[in-house]
Amino acid sequence: YRVVSLLGRGSFGIVVRAAVIDDSAAPNTEVAIKILRKGASFLAQGKREWQVLQYIRKHQSPTDESQNFVVNALDCFFQNDHFCIVFELLSDTLYE
């Protein structure tokens, strides 16, 4: 991933807009990456968030878009001891 811009800051960390750098991805694909602060409590919370999002994704109806109200988490990884969660990039933030 290549960071394009900062999307926001919060108590758990920051969210950045990033370009996907992968030959298998569609060209010009962008994602949002939540970069959690370092620390055991932030790591535990991030892992729990990832587990919950994967559970929801597995159990939601793929054919009923009207019931899909949860942003899709696509991937997770560690970078310099930060737990990062990759999300689909949406047009609005939860705040907006």
PDB file of N, CA and C in Angstrom:
ATOM      1  N   TYR A   1       0.846  -1.185   0.000  1.00  0.00           N
ATOM      2  CA  TYR A   1       0.000   0.000   0.000  1.00  0.00           C
ATOM      3  C   TYR A   1       0.885   1.239   0.000  1.00  0.00           C
ATOM      4  N   ARG A   2       0.405   2.288  -0.654  1.00  0.00           N
ATOM      5  CA  ARG A   2       1.104   3.575  -0.652  1.00  0.00           C
ATOM      6  C   ARG A   2       0.135   4.610  -0.099  1.00  0.00           C
ATOM      7  N   VAL A   3       0.512   5.255   1.000  1.00  0.00           N
ATOM      8  CA  VAL A   3      -0.346   6.248   1.634  1.00  0.00           C
ATOM      9  C   VAL A   3      -0.520   7.445   0.715  1.00  0.00           C
ATOM     10  N   VAL A   4      -1.771   7.855   0.511  1.00  0.00           N
ATOM     11  CA  VAL A   4      -2.095   8.985  -0.351  1.00  0.00           C
ATOM     12  C   VAL A   4      -2.385  10.222   0.479  1.00  0.00           C
ATOM     13  N   SER A   5      -3.203  10.059   1.549  1.00  0.00           N
ATOM     14  CA  SER A   5      -3.547  11.209   2.386  1.00  0.00           C
ATOM     15  C   SER A   5      -4.092  10.737   3.719  1.00  0.00           C
ATOM     16  N   LEU A   6      -4.155  11.662   4.653  1.00  0.00           N
ATOM     17  CA  LEU A   6      -4.743  11.407   5.961  1.00  0.00           C
ATOM     18  C   LEU A   6      -6.244  11.645   5.869  1.00  0.00           C
ATOM     19  N   LEU A   7      -7.029  10.676   6.337  1.00  0.00           N
ATOM     20  CA  LEU A   7      -8.487  10.831   6.325  1.00  0.00           C
ATOM     21  C   LEU A   7      -9.021  11.303   7.675  1.00  0.00           C
ATOM     22  N   GLY A   8      -8.354  10.904   8.761  1.00  0.00           N
ATOM     23  CA  GLY A   8      -8.843  11.320  10.071  1.00  0.00           C
ATOM     24  C   GLY A   8      -8.006  10.778  11.211  1.00  0.00           C
ATOM     25  N   ARG A   9      -8.274  11.347  12.397  1.00  0.00           N
ATOM     26  CA  ARG A   9      -7.595  10.932  13.624  1.00  0.00           C
ATOM     27  C   ARG A   9      -8.649  10.616  14.665  1.00  0.00           C
ATOM     28  N   GLY A  10      -8.323   9.685  15.540  1.00  0.00           N
ATOM     29  CA  GLY A  10      -9.240   9.335  16.609  1.00  0.00           C
ATOM     30  C   GLY A  10      -8.464   8.867  17.826  1.00  0.00           C
ATOM     31  N   SER A  11      -9.179   8.433  18.838  1.00  0.00           N
ATOM     32  CA  SER A  11      -8.530   8.025  20.076  1.00  0.00           C
ATOM     33  C   SER A  11      -7.744   6.723  19.915  1.00  0.00           C
ATOM     34  N   PHE A  12      -8.089   5.894  18.918  1.00  0.00           N
ATOM     35  CA  PHE A  12      -7.399   4.632  18.721  1.00  0.00           C
ATOM     36  C   PHE A  12      -6.255   4.730  17.726  1.00  0.00           C
ATOM     37  N   GLY A  13      -6.204   5.790  16.927  1.00  0.00           N
ATOM     38  CA  GLY A  13      -5.150   5.923  15.930  1.00  0.00           C
ATOM     39  C   GLY A  13      -5.573   6.839  14.804  1.00  0.00           C
ATOM     40  N   ILE A  14      -5.081   6.553  13.604  1.00  0.00           N
ATOM     41  CA  ILE A  14      -5.391   7.370  12.436  1.00  0.00           C
ATOM     42  C   ILE A  14      -5.943   6.496  11.318  1.00  0.00           C
ATOM     43  N   VAL A  15      -6.589   7.139  10.360  1.00  0.00           N
ATOM     44  CA  VAL A  15      -7.064   6.460   9.153  1.00  0.00           C
ATOM     45  C   VAL A  15      -6.495   7.199   7.955  1.00  0.00           C
ATOM     46  N   VAL A  16      -5.904   6.432   7.038  1.00  0.00           N
ATOM     47  CA  VAL A  16      -5.306   7.021   5.842  1.00  0.00           C
ATOM     48  C   VAL A  16      -5.961   6.459   4.589  1.00  0.00           C
ATOM     49  N   ARG A  17      -5.946   7.258   3.539  1.00  0.00           N
ATOM     50  CA  ARG A  17      -6.323   6.785   2.200  1.00  0.00           C
ATOM     51  C   ARG A  17      -5.043   6.230   1.595  1.00  0.00           C
ATOM     52  N   ALA A  18      -5.147   5.028   0.993  1.00  0.00           N
ATOM     53  CA  ALA A  18      -3.954   4.405   0.429  1.00  0.00           C
ATOM     54  C   ALA A  18      -4.272   3.782  -0.917  1.00  0.00           C
ATOM     55  N   ALA A  19      -3.291   3.811  -1.784  1.00  0.00           N
ATOM     56  CA  ALA A  19      -3.403   3.155  -3.086  1.00  0.00           C
ATOM     57  C   ALA A  19      -2.891   1.730  -2.941  1.00  0.00           C
ATOM     58  N   VAL A  20      -3.578   0.809  -3.586  1.00  0.00           N
ATOM     59  CA  VAL A  20      -3.163  -0.596  -3.575  1.00  0.00           C
ATOM     60  C   VAL A  20      -2.065  -0.771  -4.606  1.00  0.00           C
ATOM     61  N   ILE A  21      -0.942  -1.282  -4.165  1.00  0.00           N
ATOM     62  CA  ILE A  21       0.176  -1.526  -5.072  1.00  0.00           C
ATOM     63  C   ILE A  21       0.334  -3.034  -5.185  1.00  0.00           C
ATOM     64  N   ASP A  22      -0.355  -3.601  -6.166  1.00  0.00           N
ATOM     65  CA  ASP A  22      -0.364  -5.051  -6.355  1.00  0.00           C
ATOM     66  C   ASP A  22      -0.761  -5.313  -7.796  1.00  0.00           C
ATOM     67  N   ASP A  23      -0.011  -6.139  -8.460  1.00  0.00           N
ATOM     68  CA  ASP A  23      -0.293  -6.432  -9.865  1.00  0.00           C
ATOM     69  C   ASP A  23      -1.648  -7.104 -10.062  1.00  0.00           C
ATOM     70  N   SER A  24      -2.125  -7.849  -9.058  1.00  0.00           N
ATOM     71  CA  SER A  24      -3.385  -8.568  -9.223  1.00  0.00           C
ATOM     72  C   SER A  24      -4.597  -7.680  -8.947  1.00  0.00           C
ATOM     73  N   ALA A  25      -4.386  -6.506  -8.351  1.00  0.00           N
ATOM     74  CA  ALA A  25      -5.504  -5.611  -8.045  1.00  0.00           C
ATOM     75  C   ALA A  25      -5.881  -4.792  -9.273  1.00  0.00           C
ATOM     76  N   ALA A  26      -7.101  -4.317  -9.259  1.00  0.00           N
ATOM     77  CA  ALA A  26      -7.538  -3.433 -10.343  1.00  0.00           C
ATOM     78  C   ALA A  26      -6.729  -2.142 -10.278  1.00  0.00           C
ATOM     79  N   PRO A  27      -6.421  -1.543 -11.413  1.00  0.00           N
ATOM     80  CA  PRO A  27      -5.655  -0.299 -11.405  1.00  0.00           C
ATOM     81  C   PRO A  27      -6.413   0.810 -10.687  1.00  0.00           C
ATOM     82  N   ASN A  28      -5.683   1.659 -10.007  1.00  0.00           N
ATOM     83  CA  ASN A  28      -6.224   2.818  -9.299  1.00  0.00           C
ATOM     84  C   ASN A  28      -7.158   2.451  -8.148  1.00  0.00           C
ATOM     85  N   THR A  29      -6.995   1.269  -7.568  1.00  0.00           N
ATOM     86  CA  THR A  29      -7.795   0.886  -6.413  1.00  0.00           C
ATOM     87  C   THR A  29      -7.272   1.600  -5.176  1.00  0.00           C
ATOM     88  N   GLU A  30      -8.189   2.174  -4.403  1.00  0.00           N
ATOM     89  CA  GLU A  30      -7.827   2.828  -3.156  1.00  0.00           C
ATOM     90  C   GLU A  30      -8.606   2.214  -2.012  1.00  0.00           C
ATOM     91  N   VAL A  31      -8.005   2.241  -0.835  1.00  0.00           N
ATOM     92  CA  VAL A  31      -8.602   1.691   0.367  1.00  0.00           C
ATOM     93  C   VAL A  31      -8.395   2.677   1.512  1.00  0.00           C
ATOM     94  N   ALA A  32      -9.072   2.410   2.618  1.00  0.00           N
ATOM     95  CA  ALA A  32      -8.831   3.143   3.860  1.00  0.00           C
ATOM     96  C   ALA A  32      -8.116   2.193   4.804  1.00  0.00           C
ATOM     97  N   ILE A  33      -7.064   2.667   5.447  1.00  0.00           N
ATOM     98  CA  ILE A  33      -6.326   1.830   6.397  1.00  0.00           C
ATOM     99  C   ILE A  33      -6.372   2.492   7.768  1.00  0.00           C
ATOM    100  N   LYS A  34      -6.899   1.750   8.724  1.00  0.00           N
ATOM    101  CA  LYS A  34      -6.930   2.193  10.115  1.00  0.00           C
ATOM    102  C   LYS A  34      -5.643   1.723  10.770  1.00  0.00           C
ATOM    103  N   ILE A  35      -4.823   2.653  11.216  1.00  0.00           N
ATOM    104  CA  ILE A  35      -3.544   2.350  11.847  1.00  0.00           C
ATOM    105  C   ILE A  35      -3.696   2.613  13.338  1.00  0.00           C
ATOM    106  N   LEU A  36      -3.718   1.537  14.120  1.00  0.00           N
ATOM    107  CA  LEU A  36      -3.940   1.661  15.562  1.00  0.00           C
ATOM    108  C   LEU A  36      -2.666   2.075  16.275  1.00  0.00           C
ATOM    109  N   ARG A  37      -2.846   2.756  17.379  1.00  0.00           N
ATOM    110  CA  ARG A  37      -1.707   3.132  18.210  1.00  0.00           C
ATOM    111  C   ARG A  37      -1.015   1.878  18.733  1.00  0.00           C
ATOM    112  N   LYS A  38       0.248   2.020  19.101  1.00  0.00           N
ATOM    113  CA  LYS A  38       0.994   0.910  19.685  1.00  0.00           C
ATOM    114  C   LYS A  38       0.501   0.671  21.105  1.00  0.00           C
ATOM    115  N   GLY A  39       0.587  -0.567  21.525  1.00  0.00           N
ATOM    116  CA  GLY A  39       0.234  -0.905  22.899  1.00  0.00           C
ATOM    117  C   GLY A  39      -0.658  -2.123  22.959  1.00  0.00           C
ATOM    118  N   ALA A  40      -0.552  -2.850  24.065  1.00  0.00           N
ATOM    119  CA  ALA A  40      -1.287  -4.108  24.219  1.00  0.00           C
ATOM    120  C   ALA A  40      -2.790  -3.902  24.172  1.00  0.00           C
ATOM    121  N   SER A  41      -3.298  -2.849  24.802  1.00  0.00           N
ATOM    122  CA  SER A  41      -4.750  -2.645  24.827  1.00  0.00           C
ATOM    123  C   SER A  41      -5.280  -2.292  23.443  1.00  0.00           C
ATOM    124  N   PHE A  42      -4.536  -1.494  22.679  1.00  0.00           N
ATOM    125  CA  PHE A  42      -4.953  -1.150  21.318  1.00  0.00           C
ATOM    126  C   PHE A  42      -4.873  -2.375  20.410  1.00  0.00           C
ATOM    127  N   LEU A  43      -3.851  -3.196  20.604  1.00  0.00           N
ATOM    128  CA  LEU A  43      -3.713  -4.421  19.823  1.00  0.00           C
ATOM    129  C   LEU A  43      -4.882  -5.368  20.089  1.00  0.00           C
ATOM    130  N   ALA A  44      -5.225  -5.545  21.362  1.00  0.00           N
ATOM    131  CA  ALA A  44      -6.336  -6.436  21.720  1.00  0.00           C
ATOM    132  C   ALA A  44      -7.640  -5.936  21.124  1.00  0.00           C
ATOM    133  N   GLN A  45      -7.874  -4.629  21.204  1.00  0.00           N
ATOM    134  CA  GLN A  45      -9.096  -4.051  20.651  1.00  0.00           C
ATOM    135  C   GLN A  45      -9.130  -4.186  19.127  1.00  0.00           C
ATOM    136  N   GLY A  46      -7.999  -3.970  18.475  1.00  0.00           N
ATOM    137  CA  GLY A  46      -7.929  -4.098  17.022  1.00  0.00           C
ATOM    138  C   GLY A  46      -8.174  -5.521  16.552  1.00  0.00           C
ATOM    139  N   LYS A  47      -7.595  -6.481  17.253  1.00  0.00           N
ATOM    140  CA  LYS A  47      -7.821  -7.885  16.891  1.00  0.00           C
ATOM    141  C   LYS A  47      -9.283  -8.268  17.092  1.00  0.00           C
ATOM    142  N   ARG A  48      -9.881  -7.768  18.167  1.00  0.00           N
ATOM    143  CA  ARG A  48     -11.302  -8.058  18.415  1.00  0.00           C
ATOM    144  C   ARG A  48     -12.166  -7.432  17.314  1.00  0.00           C
ATOM    145  N   GLU A  49     -11.862  -6.194  16.925  1.00  0.00           N
ATOM    146  CA  GLU A  49     -12.604  -5.537  15.843  1.00  0.00           C
ATOM    147  C   GLU A  49     -12.495  -6.363  14.558  1.00  0.00           C
ATOM    148  N   TRP A  50     -11.300  -6.828  14.229  1.00  0.00           N
ATOM    149  CA  TRP A  50     -11.089  -7.639  13.036  1.00  0.00           C
ATOM    150  C   TRP A  50     -11.928  -8.912  13.091  1.00  0.00           C
ATOM    151  N   GLN A  51     -11.946  -9.577  14.248  1.00  0.00           N
ATOM    152  CA  GLN A  51     -12.730 -10.810  14.397  1.00  0.00           C
ATOM    153  C   GLN A  51     -14.221 -10.549  14.219  1.00  0.00           C
ATOM    154  N   VAL A  52     -14.720  -9.478  14.812  1.00  0.00           N
ATOM    155  CA  VAL A  52     -16.140  -9.155  14.693  1.00  0.00           C
ATOM    156  C   VAL A  52     -16.507  -8.835  13.246  1.00  0.00           C
ATOM    157  N   LEU A  53     -15.676  -8.046  12.573  1.00  0.00           N
ATOM    158  CA  LEU A  53     -15.954  -7.692  11.177  1.00  0.00           C
ATOM    159  C   LEU A  53     -15.923  -8.921  10.269  1.00  0.00           C
ATOM    160  N   GLN A  54     -15.029  -9.863  10.530  1.00  0.00           N
ATOM    161  CA  GLN A  54     -14.982 -11.087   9.740  1.00  0.00           C
ATOM    162  C   GLN A  54     -16.209 -11.960  10.007  1.00  0.00           C
ATOM    163  N   TYR A  55     -16.647 -12.003  11.245  1.00  0.00           N
ATOM    164  CA  TYR A  55     -17.854 -12.765  11.595  1.00  0.00           C
ATOM    165  C   TYR A  55     -19.068 -12.190  10.870  1.00  0.00           C
ATOM    166  N   ILE A  56     -19.213 -10.870  10.910  1.00  0.00           N
ATOM    167  CA  ILE A  56     -20.344 -10.213  10.243  1.00  0.00           C
ATOM    168  C   ILE A  56     -20.297 -10.473   8.742  1.00  0.00           C
ATOM    169  N   ARG A  57     -19.133 -10.331   8.160  1.00  0.00           N
ATOM    170  CA  ARG A  57     -18.992 -10.540   6.711  1.00  0.00           C
ATOM    171  C   ARG A  57     -19.379 -11.970   6.318  1.00  0.00           C
ATOM    172  N   LYS A  58     -18.978 -12.932   7.148  1.00  0.00           N
ATOM    173  CA  LYS A  58     -19.269 -14.340   6.863  1.00  0.00           C
ATOM    174  C   LYS A  58     -20.762 -14.635   6.967  1.00  0.00           C
ATOM    175  N   HIS A  59     -21.463 -13.958   7.878  1.00  0.00           N
ATOM    176  CA  HIS A  59     -22.855 -14.283   8.152  1.00  0.00           C
ATOM    177  C   HIS A  59     -23.873 -13.333   7.538  1.00  0.00           C
ATOM    178  N   GLN A  60     -23.444 -12.314   6.819  1.00  0.00           N
ATOM    179  CA  GLN A  60     -24.409 -11.412   6.186  1.00  0.00           C
ATOM    180  C   GLN A  60     -24.869 -11.980   4.855  1.00  0.00           C
ATOM    181  N   SER A  61     -26.028 -11.555   4.426  1.00  0.00           N
ATOM    182  CA  SER A  61     -26.578 -12.016   3.167  1.00  0.00           C
ATOM    183  C   SER A  61     -25.877 -11.299   2.017  1.00  0.00           C
ATOM    184  N   PRO A  62     -25.180 -12.020   1.158  1.00  0.00           N
ATOM    185  CA  PRO A  62     -24.452 -11.366   0.062  1.00  0.00           C
ATOM    186  C   PRO A  62     -25.373 -10.814  -1.022  1.00  0.00           C
ATOM    187  N   THR A  63     -26.620 -11.265  -1.050  1.00  0.00           N
ATOM    188  CA  THR A  63     -27.537 -10.827  -2.100  1.00  0.00           C
ATOM    189  C   THR A  63     -28.420  -9.670  -1.681  1.00  0.00           C
ATOM    190  N   ASP A  64     -28.479  -9.360  -0.390  1.00  0.00           N
ATOM    191  CA  ASP A  64     -29.374  -8.307   0.085  1.00  0.00           C
ATOM    192  C   ASP A  64     -28.574  -7.069   0.485  1.00  0.00           C
ATOM    193  N   GLU A  65     -28.276  -6.209  -0.489  1.00  0.00           N
ATOM    194  CA  GLU A  65     -27.493  -4.994  -0.252  1.00  0.00           C
ATOM    195  C   GLU A  65     -28.187  -4.035   0.705  1.00  0.00           C
ATOM    196  N   SER A  66     -29.514  -4.090   0.804  1.00  0.00           N
ATOM    197  CA  SER A  66     -30.241  -3.190   1.699  1.00  0.00           C
ATOM    198  C   SER A  66     -29.967  -3.511   3.162  1.00  0.00           C
ATOM    199  N   GLN A  67     -29.441  -4.683   3.448  1.00  0.00           N
ATOM    200  CA  GLN A  67     -29.134  -5.085   4.817  1.00  0.00           C
ATOM    201  C   GLN A  67     -27.637  -5.014   5.121  1.00  0.00           C
ATOM    202  N   ASN A  68     -26.859  -4.510   4.189  1.00  0.00           N
ATOM    203  CA  ASN A  68     -25.416  -4.449   4.354  1.00  0.00           C
ATOM    204  C   ASN A  68     -25.015  -3.063   4.845  1.00  0.00           C
ATOM    205  N   PHE A  69     -24.964  -2.905   6.175  1.00  0.00           N
ATOM    206  CA  PHE A  69     -24.683  -1.598   6.767  1.00  0.00           C
ATOM    207  C   PHE A  69     -23.327  -1.539   7.457  1.00  0.00           C
ATOM    208  N   VAL A  70     -22.483  -2.508   7.203  1.00  0.00           N
ATOM    209  CA  VAL A  70     -21.178  -2.572   7.851  1.00  0.00           C
ATOM    210  C   VAL A  70     -20.101  -2.451   6.785  1.00  0.00           C
ATOM    211  N   VAL A  71     -19.145  -1.575   7.037  1.00  0.00           N
ATOM    212  CA  VAL A  71     -18.040  -1.416   6.098  1.00  0.00           C
ATOM    213  C   VAL A  71     -17.261  -2.726   6.035  1.00  0.00           C
ATOM    214  N   ASN A  72     -16.803  -3.092   4.856  1.00  0.00           N
ATOM    215  CA  ASN A  72     -16.067  -4.342   4.678  1.00  0.00           C
ATOM    216  C   ASN A  72     -14.593  -4.173   5.024  1.00  0.00           C
ATOM    217  N   ALA A  73     -14.125  -5.019   5.939  1.00  0.00           N
ATOM    218  CA  ALA A  73     -12.702  -5.091   6.253  1.00  0.00           C
ATOM    219  C   ALA A  73     -12.088  -6.093   5.294  1.00  0.00           C
ATOM    220  N   LEU A  74     -11.046  -5.690   4.595  1.00  0.00           N
ATOM    221  CA  LEU A  74     -10.470  -6.504   3.536  1.00  0.00           C
ATOM    222  C   LEU A  74      -9.227  -7.285   3.948  1.00  0.00           C
ATOM    223  N   ASP A  75      -8.465  -6.723   4.881  1.00  0.00           N
ATOM    224  CA  ASP A  75      -7.185  -7.317   5.240  1.00  0.00           C
ATOM    225  C   ASP A  75      -6.714  -6.712   6.551  1.00  0.00           C
ATOM    226  N   CYS A  76      -5.725  -7.340   7.162  1.00  0.00           N
ATOM    227  CA  CYS A  76      -5.057  -6.744   8.321  1.00  0.00           C
ATOM    228  C   CYS A  76      -3.583  -7.119   8.260  1.00  0.00           C
ATOM    229  N   PHE A  77      -2.757  -6.300   8.906  1.00  0.00           N
ATOM    230  CA  PHE A  77      -1.318  -6.557   8.915  1.00  0.00           C
ATOM    231  C   PHE A  77      -0.669  -5.727  10.010  1.00  0.00           C
ATOM    232  N   PHE A  78       0.600  -6.020  10.305  1.00  0.00           N
ATOM    233  CA  PHE A  78       1.383  -5.237  11.255  1.00  0.00           C
ATOM    234  C   PHE A  78       2.406  -4.417  10.485  1.00  0.00           C
ATOM    235  N   GLN A  79       2.593  -3.173  10.905  1.00  0.00           N
ATOM    236  CA  GLN A  79       3.618  -2.305  10.321  1.00  0.00           C
ATOM    237  C   GLN A  79       4.264  -1.533  11.460  1.00  0.00           C
ATOM    238  N   ASN A  80       5.542  -1.776  11.699  1.00  0.00           N
ATOM    239  CA  ASN A  80       6.274  -1.091  12.773  1.00  0.00           C
ATOM    240  C   ASN A  80       5.544  -1.190  14.112  1.00  0.00           C
ATOM    241  N   ASP A  81       5.084  -2.372  14.458  1.00  0.00           N
ATOM    242  CA  ASP A  81       4.367  -2.666  15.708  1.00  0.00           C
ATOM    243  C   ASP A  81       2.991  -2.018  15.808  1.00  0.00           C
ATOM    244  N   HIS A  82       2.464  -1.512  14.710  1.00  0.00           N
ATOM    245  CA  HIS A  82       1.096  -0.989  14.664  1.00  0.00           C
ATOM    246  C   HIS A  82       0.216  -2.050  13.999  1.00  0.00           C
ATOM    247  N   PHE A  83      -0.949  -2.332  14.605  1.00  0.00           N
ATOM    248  CA  PHE A  83      -1.915  -3.221  13.976  1.00  0.00           C
ATOM    249  C   PHE A  83      -2.734  -2.372  13.010  1.00  0.00           C
ATOM    250  N   CYS A  84      -2.845  -2.816  11.770  1.00  0.00           N
ATOM    251  CA  CYS A  84      -3.532  -2.060  10.725  1.00  0.00           C
ATOM    252  C   CYS A  84      -4.661  -2.900  10.134  1.00  0.00           C
ATOM    253  N   ILE A  85      -5.810  -2.257   9.918  1.00  0.00           N
ATOM    254  CA  ILE A  85      -6.946  -2.919   9.289  1.00  0.00           C
ATOM    255  C   ILE A  85      -7.268  -2.179   7.997  1.00  0.00           C
ATOM    256  N   VAL A  86      -7.366  -2.920   6.909  1.00  0.00           N
ATOM    257  CA  VAL A  86      -7.657  -2.353   5.589  1.00  0.00           C
ATOM    258  C   VAL A  86      -9.162  -2.467   5.334  1.00  0.00           C
ATOM    259  N   PHE A  87      -9.783  -1.339   4.979  1.00  0.00           N
ATOM    260  CA  PHE A  87     -11.216  -1.275   4.711  1.00  0.00           C
ATOM    261  C   PHE A  87     -11.459  -0.819   3.280  1.00  0.00           C
ATOM    262  N   GLU A  88     -12.642  -1.155   2.771  1.00  0.00           N
ATOM    263  CA  GLU A  88     -13.064  -0.559   1.517  1.00  0.00           C
ATOM    264  C   GLU A  88     -13.145   0.952   1.745  1.00  0.00           C
ATOM    265  N   LEU A  89     -12.842   1.730   0.743  1.00  0.00           N
ATOM    266  CA  LEU A  89     -12.885   3.181   0.855  1.00  0.00           C
ATOM    267  C   LEU A  89     -14.287   3.658   0.498  1.00  0.00           C
ATOM    268  N   LEU A  90     -14.931   4.318   1.446  1.00  0.00           N
ATOM    269  CA  LEU A  90     -16.271   4.843   1.229  1.00  0.00           C
ATOM    270  C   LEU A  90     -16.187   6.352   1.062  1.00  0.00           C
ATOM    271  N   SER A  91     -17.267   6.951   0.627  1.00  0.00           N
ATOM    272  CA  SER A  91     -17.238   8.392   0.339  1.00  0.00           C
ATOM    273  C   SER A  91     -17.388   9.254   1.574  1.00  0.00           C
ATOM    274  N   ASP A  92     -18.021   8.732   2.637  1.00  0.00           N
ATOM    275  CA  ASP A  92     -18.260   9.531   3.835  1.00  0.00           C
ATOM    276  C   ASP A  92     -17.678   8.836   5.060  1.00  0.00           C
ATOM    277  N   THR A  93     -17.380   9.643   6.076  1.00  0.00           N
ATOM    278  CA  THR A  93     -16.959   9.093   7.347  1.00  0.00           C
ATOM    279  C   THR A  93     -18.184   8.864   8.213  1.00  0.00           C
ATOM    280  N   LEU A  94     -18.037   8.132   9.304  1.00  0.00           N
ATOM    281  CA  LEU A  94     -19.160   7.931  10.215  1.00  0.00           C
ATOM    282  C   LEU A  94     -19.614   9.257  10.800  1.00  0.00           C
ATOM    283  N   TYR A  95     -18.666  10.156  11.039  1.00  0.00           N
ATOM    284  CA  TYR A  95     -19.000  11.460  11.584  1.00  0.00           C
ATOM    285  C   TYR A  95     -19.871  12.263  10.600  1.00  0.00           C
ATOM    286  N   GLU A  96     -19.499  12.221   9.329  1.00  0.00           N
ATOM    287  CA  GLU A  96     -20.239  12.996   8.314  1.00  0.00           C
ATOM    288  C   GLU A  96     -21.547  12.326   7.993  1.00  0.00           C
TER     289      GLU A  96
END
